[in-house]
Amino acid sequence: MVFVFTEESMPIYEYECKSCGHSFERIMKVGEEAPACPACGVQETRKRVAPFRTNAWSTFLDGMEKRVNPHKFK
C-alpha cells in the first residue's frame, strides 16, 4: 500500500502547555509555529512525541467504501 501526500494531507500534531499542562491536537502544515494553549492562552507549548498521522488514511478508506458499496453513497 502506498500513500501519496498532497497539500490536503496535513499532519496532526499533539501539544502540551508548559504552563497549565493541557494536552491538545492540531492539524497543521509542516513548519507552522506552535499554537497557543486553547485552555489558558499561553503561547509556550511544546510538541509531544506522537506517531505521524494524517487524514490520508480516512480518505483512502472512504474511497474504498465507495468502490465496495456504491449504493451507500447515492
PDB file of N, CA and C in Angstrom:
ATOM      1  N   MET A   1       0.844  -1.168   0.000  1.00  0.00           N
ATOM      2  CA  MET A   1       0.000   0.000   0.000  1.00  0.00           C
ATOM      3  C   MET A   1       0.898   1.242   0.000  1.00  0.00           C
ATOM      4  N   VAL A   2       0.588   2.180  -0.872  1.00  0.00           N
ATOM      5  CA  VAL A   2       1.375   3.404  -0.991  1.00  0.00           C
ATOM      6  C   VAL A   2       0.457   4.594  -0.749  1.00  0.00           C
ATOM      7  N   PHE A   3       0.878   5.507   0.112  1.00  0.00           N
ATOM      8  CA  PHE A   3       0.129   6.734   0.361  1.00  0.00           C
ATOM      9  C   PHE A   3       0.805   7.875  -0.370  1.00  0.00           C
ATOM     10  N   VAL A   4       0.018   8.684  -1.028  1.00  0.00           N
ATOM     11  CA  VAL A   4       0.531   9.865  -1.698  1.00  0.00           C
ATOM     12  C   VAL A   4       0.046  11.069  -0.892  1.00  0.00           C
ATOM     13  N   PHE A   5       0.974  11.847  -0.361  1.00  0.00           N
ATOM     14  CA  PHE A   5       0.618  13.007   0.436  1.00  0.00           C
ATOM     15  C   PHE A   5       0.553  14.236  -0.443  1.00  0.00           C
ATOM     16  N   THR A   6      -0.564  14.914  -0.388  1.00  0.00           N
ATOM     17  CA  THR A   6      -0.773  16.123  -1.164  1.00  0.00           C
ATOM     18  C   THR A   6      -0.861  17.307  -0.208  1.00  0.00           C
ATOM     19  N   GLU A   7      -1.155  18.487  -0.750  1.00  0.00           N
ATOM     20  CA  GLU A   7      -1.283  19.665   0.103  1.00  0.00           C
ATOM     21  C   GLU A   7      -2.439  19.525   1.082  1.00  0.00           C
ATOM     22  N   GLU A   8      -3.461  18.697   0.734  1.00  0.00           N
ATOM     23  CA  GLU A   8      -4.585  18.499   1.644  1.00  0.00           C
ATOM     24  C   GLU A   8      -4.197  17.611   2.817  1.00  0.00           C
ATOM     25  N   SER A   9      -3.116  16.831   2.695  1.00  0.00           N
ATOM     26  CA  SER A   9      -2.691  15.932   3.754  1.00  0.00           C
ATOM     27  C   SER A   9      -1.829  16.702   4.740  1.00  0.00           C
ATOM     28  N   MET A  10      -2.431  17.071   5.855  1.00  0.00           N
ATOM     29  CA  MET A  10      -1.687  17.807   6.862  1.00  0.00           C
ATOM     30  C   MET A  10      -1.563  16.932   8.102  1.00  0.00           C
ATOM     31  N   PRO A  11      -0.370  16.859   8.677  1.00  0.00           N
ATOM     32  CA  PRO A  11      -0.193  16.019   9.855  1.00  0.00           C
ATOM     33  C   PRO A  11      -0.932  16.560  11.074  1.00  0.00           C
ATOM     34  N   ILE A  12      -1.271  15.655  11.977  1.00  0.00           N
ATOM     35  CA  ILE A  12      -1.909  16.012  13.234  1.00  0.00           C
ATOM     36  C   ILE A  12      -0.816  16.031  14.294  1.00  0.00           C
ATOM     37  N   TYR A  13      -0.620  17.184  14.916  1.00  0.00           N
ATOM     38  CA  TYR A  13       0.405  17.330  15.945  1.00  0.00           C
ATOM     39  C   TYR A  13      -0.243  17.356  17.324  1.00  0.00           C
ATOM     40  N   GLU A  14       0.440  16.779  18.295  1.00  0.00           N
ATOM     41  CA  GLU A  14      -0.006  16.832  19.683  1.00  0.00           C
ATOM     42  C   GLU A  14       0.877  17.811  20.438  1.00  0.00           C
ATOM     43  N   TYR A  15       0.247  18.682  21.225  1.00  0.00           N
ATOM     44  CA  TYR A  15       0.965  19.693  22.005  1.00  0.00           C
ATOM     45  C   TYR A  15       0.581  19.592  23.475  1.00  0.00           C
ATOM     46  N   GLU A  16       1.452  20.120  24.321  1.00  0.00           N
ATOM     47  CA  GLU A  16       1.177  20.225  25.747  1.00  0.00           C
ATOM     48  C   GLU A  16       1.591  21.621  26.202  1.00  0.00           C
ATOM     49  N   CYS A  17       0.746  22.256  26.986  1.00  0.00           N
ATOM     50  CA  CYS A  17       1.020  23.588  27.500  1.00  0.00           C
ATOM     51  C   CYS A  17       2.057  23.501  28.618  1.00  0.00           C
ATOM     52  N   LYS A  18       3.072  24.348  28.550  1.00  0.00           N
ATOM     53  CA  LYS A  18       4.105  24.362  29.592  1.00  0.00           C
ATOM     54  C   LYS A  18       3.588  25.003  30.875  1.00  0.00           C
ATOM     55  N   SER A  19       2.539  25.801  30.773  1.00  0.00           N
ATOM     56  CA  SER A  19       2.015  26.497  31.940  1.00  0.00           C
ATOM     57  C   SER A  19       0.991  25.662  32.715  1.00  0.00           C
ATOM     58  N   CYS A  20      -0.066  25.202  32.025  1.00  0.00           N
ATOM     59  CA  CYS A  20      -1.151  24.503  32.722  1.00  0.00           C
ATOM     60  C   CYS A  20      -1.158  22.990  32.500  1.00  0.00           C
ATOM     61  N   GLY A  21      -0.336  22.487  31.554  1.00  0.00           N
ATOM     62  CA  GLY A  21      -0.249  21.051  31.315  1.00  0.00           C
ATOM     63  C   GLY A  21      -1.337  20.492  30.410  1.00  0.00           C
ATOM     64  N   HIS A  22      -2.200  21.362  29.869  1.00  0.00           N
ATOM     65  CA  HIS A  22      -3.284  20.918  28.984  1.00  0.00           C
ATOM     66  C   HIS A  22      -2.707  20.296  27.706  1.00  0.00           C
ATOM     67  N   SER A  23      -3.211  19.114  27.311  1.00  0.00           N
ATOM     68  CA  SER A  23      -2.799  18.454  26.066  1.00  0.00           C
ATOM     69  C   SER A  23      -3.870  18.672  25.011  1.00  0.00           C
ATOM     70  N   PHE A  24      -3.434  18.932  23.774  1.00  0.00           N
ATOM     71  CA  PHE A  24      -4.379  19.151  22.681  1.00  0.00           C
ATOM     72  C   PHE A  24      -3.733  18.785  21.361  1.00  0.00           C
ATOM     73  N   GLU A  25      -4.574  18.605  20.327  1.00  0.00           N
ATOM     74  CA  GLU A  25      -4.113  18.249  18.983  1.00  0.00           C
ATOM     75  C   GLU A  25      -4.453  19.368  18.015  1.00  0.00           C
ATOM     76  N   ARG A  26      -3.636  19.494  16.978  1.00  0.00           N
ATOM     77  CA  ARG A  26      -3.881  20.463  15.917  1.00  0.00           C
ATOM     78  C   ARG A  26      -3.501  19.836  14.580  1.00  0.00           C
ATOM     79  N   ILE A  27      -4.312  20.089  13.567  1.00  0.00           N
ATOM     80  CA  ILE A  27      -3.964  19.728  12.191  1.00  0.00           C
ATOM     81  C   ILE A  27      -3.291  20.963  11.620  1.00  0.00           C
ATOM     82  N   MET A  28      -2.017  20.812  11.268  1.00  0.00           N
ATOM     83  CA  MET A  28      -1.230  21.971  10.846  1.00  0.00           C
ATOM     84  C   MET A  28      -0.345  21.620   9.663  1.00  0.00           C
ATOM     85  N   LYS A  29       0.071  22.640   8.955  1.00  0.00           N
ATOM     86  CA  LYS A  29       1.046  22.461   7.892  1.00  0.00           C
ATOM     87  C   LYS A  29       2.410  22.239   8.525  1.00  0.00           C
ATOM     88  N   VAL A  30       3.255  21.498   7.832  1.00  0.00           N
ATOM     89  CA  VAL A  30       4.610  21.261   8.308  1.00  0.00           C
ATOM     90  C   VAL A  30       5.340  22.598   8.384  1.00  0.00           C
ATOM     91  N   GLY A  31       5.984  22.869   9.513  1.00  0.00           N
ATOM     92  CA  GLY A  31       6.746  24.089   9.684  1.00  0.00           C
ATOM     93  C   GLY A  31       5.996  25.255  10.305  1.00  0.00           C
ATOM     94  N   GLU A  32       4.700  25.112  10.543  1.00  0.00           N
ATOM     95  CA  GLU A  32       3.951  26.183  11.194  1.00  0.00           C
ATOM     96  C   GLU A  32       4.418  26.359  12.632  1.00  0.00           C
ATOM     97  N   GLU A  33       4.255  27.570  13.166  1.00  0.00           N
ATOM     98  CA  GLU A  33       4.631  27.835  14.551  1.00  0.00           C
ATOM     99  C   GLU A  33       3.690  27.114  15.504  1.00  0.00           C
ATOM    100  N   ALA A  34       4.206  26.797  16.688  1.00  0.00           N
ATOM    101  CA  ALA A  34       3.391  26.130  17.701  1.00  0.00           C
ATOM    102  C   ALA A  34       2.228  27.027  18.102  1.00  0.00           C
ATOM    103  N   PRO A  35       1.028  26.452  18.255  1.00  0.00           N
ATOM    104  CA  PRO A  35      -0.141  27.254  18.616  1.00  0.00           C
ATOM    105  C   PRO A  35      -0.173  27.585  20.107  1.00  0.00           C
ATOM    106  N   ALA A  36      -0.969  28.570  20.454  1.00  0.00           N
ATOM    107  CA  ALA A  36      -1.189  28.905  21.865  1.00  0.00           C
ATOM    108  C   ALA A  36      -2.106  27.856  22.490  1.00  0.00           C
ATOM    109  N   CYS A  37      -2.032  27.729  23.790  1.00  0.00           N
ATOM    110  CA  CYS A  37      -2.866  26.779  24.519  1.00  0.00           C
ATOM    111  C   CYS A  37      -4.329  27.230  24.452  1.00  0.00           C
ATOM    112  N   PRO A  38      -5.246  26.339  24.031  1.00  0.00           N
ATOM    113  CA  PRO A  38      -6.655  26.737  23.971  1.00  0.00           C
ATOM    114  C   PRO A  38      -7.295  26.862  25.353  1.00  0.00           C
ATOM    115  N   ALA A  39      -6.681  26.257  26.372  1.00  0.00           N
ATOM    116  CA  ALA A  39      -7.248  26.308  27.723  1.00  0.00           C
ATOM    117  C   ALA A  39      -6.902  27.606  28.451  1.00  0.00           C
ATOM    118  N   CYS A  40      -5.625  28.032  28.379  1.00  0.00           N
ATOM    119  CA  CYS A  40      -5.208  29.211  29.155  1.00  0.00           C
ATOM    120  C   CYS A  40      -4.673  30.357  28.294  1.00  0.00           C
ATOM    121  N   GLY A  41      -4.427  30.099  26.986  1.00  0.00           N
ATOM    122  CA  GLY A  41      -3.986  31.159  26.087  1.00  0.00           C
ATOM    123  C   GLY A  41      -2.493  31.427  26.066  1.00  0.00           C
ATOM    124  N   VAL A  42      -1.716  30.725  26.888  1.00  0.00           N
ATOM    125  CA  VAL A  42      -0.267  30.917  26.932  1.00  0.00           C
ATOM    126  C   VAL A  42       0.348  30.414  25.622  1.00  0.00           C
ATOM    127  N   GLN A  43       1.293  31.167  25.078  1.00  0.00           N
ATOM    128  CA  GLN A  43       1.922  30.820  23.802  1.00  0.00           C
ATOM    129  C   GLN A  43       2.953  29.697  23.943  1.00  0.00           C
ATOM    130  N   GLU A  44       3.435  29.446  25.132  1.00  0.00           N
ATOM    131  CA  GLU A  44       4.502  28.467  25.339  1.00  0.00           C
ATOM    132  C   GLU A  44       3.949  27.048  25.424  1.00  0.00           C
ATOM    133  N   THR A  45       3.951  26.371  24.282  1.00  0.00           N
ATOM    134  CA  THR A  45       3.525  24.972  24.216  1.00  0.00           C
ATOM    135  C   THR A  45       4.670  24.160  23.645  1.00  0.00           C
ATOM    136  N   ARG A  46       4.663  22.879  23.934  1.00  0.00           N
ATOM    137  CA  ARG A  46       5.711  22.017  23.368  1.00  0.00           C
ATOM    138  C   ARG A  46       5.063  20.858  22.641  1.00  0.00           C
ATOM    139  N   LYS A  47       5.700  20.462  21.554  1.00  0.00           N
ATOM    140  CA  LYS A  47       5.205  19.351  20.754  1.00  0.00           C
ATOM    141  C   LYS A  47       5.492  18.056  21.492  1.00  0.00           C
ATOM    142  N   ARG A  48       4.489  17.212  21.604  1.00  0.00           N
ATOM    143  CA  ARG A  48       4.651  15.918  22.255  1.00  0.00           C
ATOM    144  C   ARG A  48       5.072  14.881  21.220  1.00  0.00           C
ATOM    145  N   VAL A  49       5.769  13.867  21.659  1.00  0.00           N
ATOM    146  CA  VAL A  49       6.163  12.782  20.771  1.00  0.00           C
ATOM    147  C   VAL A  49       4.915  11.957  20.474  1.00  0.00           C
ATOM    148  N   ALA A  50       4.594  11.824  19.202  1.00  0.00           N
ATOM    149  CA  ALA A  50       3.398  11.096  18.796  1.00  0.00           C
ATOM    150  C   ALA A  50       3.650  10.474  17.429  1.00  0.00           C
ATOM    151  N   PRO A  51       2.917   9.425  17.094  1.00  0.00           N
ATOM    152  CA  PRO A  51       3.069   8.834  15.757  1.00  0.00           C
ATOM    153  C   PRO A  51       2.592   9.808  14.685  1.00  0.00           C
ATOM    154  N   PHE A  52       3.184   9.737  13.516  1.00  0.00           N
ATOM    155  CA  PHE A  52       2.796  10.594  12.401  1.00  0.00           C
ATOM    156  C   PHE A  52       1.424  10.154  11.908  1.00  0.00           C
ATOM    157  N   ARG A  53       0.476  11.094  11.860  1.00  0.00           N
ATOM    158  CA  ARG A  53      -0.878  10.789  11.393  1.00  0.00           C
ATOM    159  C   ARG A  53      -1.349  11.884  10.455  1.00  0.00           C
ATOM    160  N   THR A  54      -2.145  11.495   9.482  1.00  0.00           N
ATOM    161  CA  THR A  54      -2.777  12.463   8.583  1.00  0.00           C
ATOM    162  C   THR A  54      -4.194  12.000   8.324  1.00  0.00           C
ATOM    163  N   ASN A  55      -4.920  12.778   7.568  1.00  0.00           N
ATOM    164  CA  ASN A  55      -6.262  12.372   7.179  1.00  0.00           C
ATOM    165  C   ASN A  55      -6.236  11.482   5.935  1.00  0.00           C
ATOM    166  N   ALA A  56      -5.055  11.108   5.454  1.00  0.00           N
ATOM    167  CA  ALA A  56      -4.933  10.303   4.240  1.00  0.00           C
ATOM    168  C   ALA A  56      -5.569   8.927   4.413  1.00  0.00           C
ATOM    169  N   TRP A  57      -5.440   8.337   5.598  1.00  0.00           N
ATOM    170  CA  TRP A  57      -5.989   7.002   5.816  1.00  0.00           C
ATOM    171  C   TRP A  57      -7.513   7.029   5.730  1.00  0.00           C
ATOM    172  N   SER A  58      -8.165   8.003   6.342  1.00  0.00           N
ATOM    173  CA  SER A  58      -9.624   8.070   6.286  1.00  0.00           C
ATOM    174  C   SER A  58     -10.093   8.373   4.864  1.00  0.00           C
ATOM    175  N   THR A  59      -9.338   9.194   4.138  1.00  0.00           N
ATOM    176  CA  THR A  59      -9.669   9.467   2.741  1.00  0.00           C
ATOM    177  C   THR A  59      -9.569   8.197   1.912  1.00  0.00           C
ATOM    178  N   PHE A  60      -8.522   7.412   2.149  1.00  0.00           N
ATOM    179  CA  PHE A  60      -8.347   6.145   1.459  1.00  0.00           C
ATOM    180  C   PHE A  60      -9.508   5.200   1.763  1.00  0.00           C
ATOM    181  N   LEU A  61      -9.878   5.073   3.047  1.00  0.00           N
ATOM    182  CA  LEU A  61     -10.971   4.184   3.437  1.00  0.00           C
ATOM    183  C   LEU A  61     -12.297   4.625   2.831  1.00  0.00           C
ATOM    184  N   ASP A  62     -12.545   5.929   2.784  1.00  0.00           N
ATOM    185  CA  ASP A  62     -13.772   6.435   2.163  1.00  0.00           C
ATOM    186  C   ASP A  62     -13.827   6.057   0.691  1.00  0.00           C
ATOM    187  N   GLY A  63     -12.689   6.190   0.006  1.00  0.00           N
ATOM    188  CA  GLY A  63     -12.627   5.816  -1.407  1.00  0.00           C
ATOM    189  C   GLY A  63     -12.877   4.342  -1.623  1.00  0.00           C
ATOM    190  N   MET A  64     -12.330   3.504  -0.755  1.00  0.00           N
ATOM    191  CA  MET A  64     -12.550   2.055  -0.870  1.00  0.00           C
ATOM    192  C   MET A  64     -14.010   1.717  -0.591  1.00  0.00           C
ATOM    193  N   GLU A  65     -14.615   2.363   0.387  1.00  0.00           N
ATOM    194  CA  GLU A  65     -16.020   2.114   0.723  1.00  0.00           C
ATOM    195  C   GLU A  65     -16.913   2.479  -0.456  1.00  0.00           C
ATOM    196  N   LYS A  66     -16.586   3.564  -1.140  1.00  0.00           N
ATOM    197  CA  LYS A  66     -17.373   3.965  -2.309  1.00  0.00           C
ATOM    198  C   LYS A  66     -17.288   2.933  -3.418  1.00  0.00           C
ATOM    199  N   ARG A  67     -16.128   2.283  -3.548  1.00  0.00           N
ATOM    200  CA  ARG A  67     -15.964   1.248  -4.582  1.00  0.00           C
ATOM    201  C   ARG A  67     -16.681  -0.036  -4.206  1.00  0.00           C
ATOM    202  N   VAL A  68     -16.621  -0.408  -2.939  1.00  0.00           N
ATOM    203  CA  VAL A  68     -17.207  -1.668  -2.483  1.00  0.00           C
ATOM    204  C   VAL A  68     -18.724  -1.561  -2.330  1.00  0.00           C
ATOM    205  N   ASN A  69     -19.202  -0.456  -1.790  1.00  0.00           N
ATOM    206  CA  ASN A  69     -20.633  -0.257  -1.535  1.00  0.00           C
ATOM    207  C   ASN A  69     -21.122   1.055  -2.146  1.00  0.00           C
ATOM    208  N   PRO A  70     -21.147   1.160  -3.475  1.00  0.00           N
ATOM    209  CA  PRO A  70     -21.547   2.433  -4.093  1.00  0.00           C
ATOM    210  C   PRO A  70     -22.979   2.830  -3.764  1.00  0.00           C
ATOM    211  N   HIS A  71     -23.825   1.865  -3.448  1.00  0.00           N
ATOM    212  CA  HIS A  71     -25.223   2.184  -3.150  1.00  0.00           C
ATOM    213  C   HIS A  71     -25.359   3.024  -1.866  1.00  0.00           C
ATOM    214  N   LYS A  72     -24.397   2.986  -0.973  1.00  0.00           N
ATOM    215  CA  LYS A  72     -24.448   3.779   0.253  1.00  0.00           C
ATOM    216  C   LYS A  72     -24.222   5.269  -0.012  1.00  0.00           C
ATOM    217  N   PHE A  73     -23.651   5.607  -1.155  1.00  0.00           N
ATOM    218  CA  PHE A  73     -23.284   6.989  -1.436  1.00  0.00           C
ATOM    219  C   PHE A  73     -24.171   7.633  -2.505  1.00  0.00           C
ATOM    220  N   LYS A  74     -25.342   7.063  -2.716  1.00  0.00           N
ATOM    221  CA  LYS A  74     -26.272   7.639  -3.714  1.00  0.00           C
ATOM    222  C   LYS A  74     -27.199   8.615  -3.077  1.00  0.00           C
TER     223      LYS A  74
END
